């Protein structure tokens, strides 16, 4: 899991994704929560949603993904979040 401390993230949507990412892998049962933050705006450089940091194909396929595929997407989100934070700080 990521070493990002959600409390150090100013953007509240990204902070929520970081908090959820820390919890999702330990959650019991077949359901995997969606990282959706109801923003749905794609960043032109990264191709990721500005709210949940997923790609368009990941967003579109989410309801058809099995648990393993959803967890695989979640596993990528901390690194994407760090990349997005780095991009913000470079601007």
C-alpha atoms as a PDB file:
ATOM      1  CA  UNK A   1       0.000   0.000   0.000  1.00  0.00           C
ATOM      2  CA  UNK A   2       0.959   3.592  -0.376  1.00  0.00           C
ATOM      3  CA  UNK A   3       2.979   5.515   2.169  1.00  0.00           C
ATOM      4  CA  UNK A   4       0.911   8.640   1.461  1.00  0.00           C
ATOM      5  CA  UNK A   5      -0.587  10.154   4.582  1.00  0.00           C
ATOM      6  CA  UNK A   6      -4.134  11.222   3.666  1.00  0.00           C
ATOM      7  CA  UNK A   7      -3.955  14.022   6.245  1.00  0.00           C
ATOM      8  CA  UNK A   8      -1.183  15.711   4.243  1.00  0.00           C
ATOM      9  CA  UNK A   9      -3.298  15.923   1.064  1.00  0.00           C
ATOM     10  CA  UNK A  10      -5.055  19.281   0.670  1.00  0.00           C
ATOM     11  CA  UNK A  11      -7.433  18.262  -2.130  1.00  0.00           C
ATOM     12  CA  UNK A  12     -10.368  16.703  -0.269  1.00  0.00           C
ATOM     13  CA  UNK A  13     -11.346  14.350  -3.097  1.00  0.00           C
ATOM     14  CA  UNK A  14      -7.830  12.967  -3.390  1.00  0.00           C
ATOM     15  CA  UNK A  15      -7.600  12.747   0.401  1.00  0.00           C
ATOM     16  CA  UNK A  16     -10.785  10.621   0.359  1.00  0.00           C
ATOM     17  CA  UNK A  17      -9.333   8.340  -2.355  1.00  0.00           C
ATOM     18  CA  UNK A  18      -6.157   7.916  -0.268  1.00  0.00           C
ATOM     19  CA  UNK A  19      -8.225   7.064   2.830  1.00  0.00           C
ATOM     20  CA  UNK A  20     -10.356   4.588   0.884  1.00  0.00           C
ATOM     21  CA  UNK A  21      -7.261   2.982  -0.692  1.00  0.00           C
ATOM     22  CA  UNK A  22      -5.920   2.222   2.783  1.00  0.00           C
ATOM     23  CA  UNK A  23      -9.163   0.456   3.717  1.00  0.00           C
ATOM     24  CA  UNK A  24     -10.358  -1.318   0.570  1.00  0.00           C
ATOM     25  CA  UNK A  25      -7.877  -4.207   0.519  1.00  0.00           C
ATOM     26  CA  UNK A  26      -8.789  -5.337   4.028  1.00  0.00           C
ATOM     27  CA  UNK A  27     -12.538  -5.140   3.479  1.00  0.00           C
ATOM     28  CA  UNK A  28     -14.279  -8.518   3.765  1.00  0.00           C
ATOM     29  CA  UNK A  29     -16.899  -9.794   1.341  1.00  0.00           C
ATOM     30  CA  UNK A  30     -17.361  -9.752  -2.410  1.00  0.00           C
ATOM     31  CA  UNK A  31     -18.162  -6.038  -2.787  1.00  0.00           C
ATOM     32  CA  UNK A  32     -15.380  -3.578  -3.621  1.00  0.00           C
ATOM     33  CA  UNK A  33     -16.280   0.087  -3.213  1.00  0.00           C
ATOM     34  CA  UNK A  34     -15.911   2.365  -6.195  1.00  0.00           C
ATOM     35  CA  UNK A  35     -13.384   5.180  -5.860  1.00  0.00           C
ATOM     36  CA  UNK A  36     -15.812   7.533  -7.665  1.00  0.00           C
ATOM     37  CA  UNK A  37     -15.914  11.058  -6.226  1.00  0.00           C
ATOM     38  CA  UNK A  38     -18.635  12.318  -8.650  1.00  0.00           C
ATOM     39  CA  UNK A  39     -16.253  14.642 -10.472  1.00  0.00           C
ATOM     40  CA  UNK A  40     -15.868  12.891 -13.851  1.00  0.00           C
ATOM     41  CA  UNK A  41     -13.454  15.319 -15.488  1.00  0.00           C
ATOM     42  CA  UNK A  42     -10.514  13.769 -17.294  1.00  0.00           C
ATOM     43  CA  UNK A  43      -7.071  15.357 -16.912  1.00  0.00           C
ATOM     44  CA  UNK A  44      -5.650  16.071 -20.386  1.00  0.00           C
ATOM     45  CA  UNK A  45      -2.095  14.940 -19.549  1.00  0.00           C
ATOM     46  CA  UNK A  46      -2.681  11.869 -17.381  1.00  0.00           C
ATOM     47  CA  UNK A  47      -5.942  10.633 -18.888  1.00  0.00           C
ATOM     48  CA  UNK A  48      -7.209   9.987 -15.349  1.00  0.00           C
ATOM     49  CA  UNK A  49     -10.377  11.293 -13.788  1.00  0.00           C
ATOM     50  CA  UNK A  50      -9.680  14.313 -11.577  1.00  0.00           C
ATOM     51  CA  UNK A  51     -11.848  12.795  -8.842  1.00  0.00           C
ATOM     52  CA  UNK A  52     -11.064   9.092  -8.658  1.00  0.00           C
ATOM     53  CA  UNK A  53      -7.857   8.852 -10.742  1.00  0.00           C
ATOM     54  CA  UNK A  54      -9.224   6.040 -12.931  1.00  0.00           C
ATOM     55  CA  UNK A  55      -8.981   5.878 -16.714  1.00  0.00           C
ATOM     56  CA  UNK A  56     -12.074   6.105 -18.915  1.00  0.00           C
ATOM     57  CA  UNK A  57     -11.944   2.374 -19.592  1.00  0.00           C
ATOM     58  CA  UNK A  58     -11.653   1.570 -15.869  1.00  0.00           C
ATOM     59  CA  UNK A  59     -14.643   3.794 -15.135  1.00  0.00           C
ATOM     60  CA  UNK A  60     -16.693   2.275 -17.960  1.00  0.00           C
ATOM     61  CA  UNK A  61     -15.788  -1.326 -17.052  1.00  0.00           C
ATOM     62  CA  UNK A  62     -16.106  -0.997 -13.257  1.00  0.00           C
ATOM     63  CA  UNK A  63     -19.601  -2.510 -12.951  1.00  0.00           C
ATOM     64  CA  UNK A  64     -18.503  -5.560 -14.968  1.00  0.00           C
ATOM     65  CA  UNK A  65     -15.168  -6.110 -13.205  1.00  0.00           C
ATOM     66  CA  UNK A  66     -14.748  -8.933 -10.718  1.00  0.00           C
ATOM     67  CA  UNK A  67     -13.301  -8.313  -7.265  1.00  0.00           C
ATOM     68  CA  UNK A  68      -9.723  -9.089  -8.330  1.00  0.00           C
ATOM     69  CA  UNK A  69      -9.871  -6.599 -11.209  1.00  0.00           C
ATOM     70  CA  UNK A  70     -11.337  -3.887  -8.981  1.00  0.00           C
ATOM     71  CA  UNK A  71      -8.645  -4.482  -6.369  1.00  0.00           C
ATOM     72  CA  UNK A  72      -6.021  -4.264  -9.121  1.00  0.00           C
ATOM     73  CA  UNK A  73      -7.343  -0.815 -10.067  1.00  0.00           C
ATOM     74  CA  UNK A  74      -7.343   0.237  -6.403  1.00  0.00           C
ATOM     75  CA  UNK A  75      -3.737  -0.964  -6.090  1.00  0.00           C
ATOM     76  CA  UNK A  76      -2.705   1.509  -8.811  1.00  0.00           C
ATOM     77  CA  UNK A  77      -4.446   4.531  -7.300  1.00  0.00           C
ATOM     78  CA  UNK A  78      -1.857   5.464  -4.624  1.00  0.00           C
ATOM     79  CA  UNK A  79       0.902   5.695  -7.253  1.00  0.00           C
ATOM     80  CA  UNK A  80      -1.387   7.666  -9.545  1.00  0.00           C
ATOM     81  CA  UNK A  81      -2.257   9.968  -6.678  1.00  0.00           C
ATOM     82  CA  UNK A  82       1.425  10.577  -5.965  1.00  0.00           C
ATOM     83  CA  UNK A  83       2.039  11.256  -9.663  1.00  0.00           C
ATOM     84  CA  UNK A  84      -0.881  13.677  -9.737  1.00  0.00           C
ATOM     85  CA  UNK A  85       0.345  15.456  -6.591  1.00  0.00           C
ATOM     86  CA  UNK A  86       3.808  15.722  -8.151  1.00  0.00           C
ATOM     87  CA  UNK A  87       2.264  17.190 -11.312  1.00  0.00           C
ATOM     88  CA  UNK A  88       0.386  19.773  -9.208  1.00  0.00           C
ATOM     89  CA  UNK A  89       3.493  20.789  -7.298  1.00  0.00           C
ATOM     90  CA  UNK A  90       5.465  21.184 -10.534  1.00  0.00           C
ATOM     91  CA  UNK A  91       2.877  23.573 -11.962  1.00  0.00           C
END
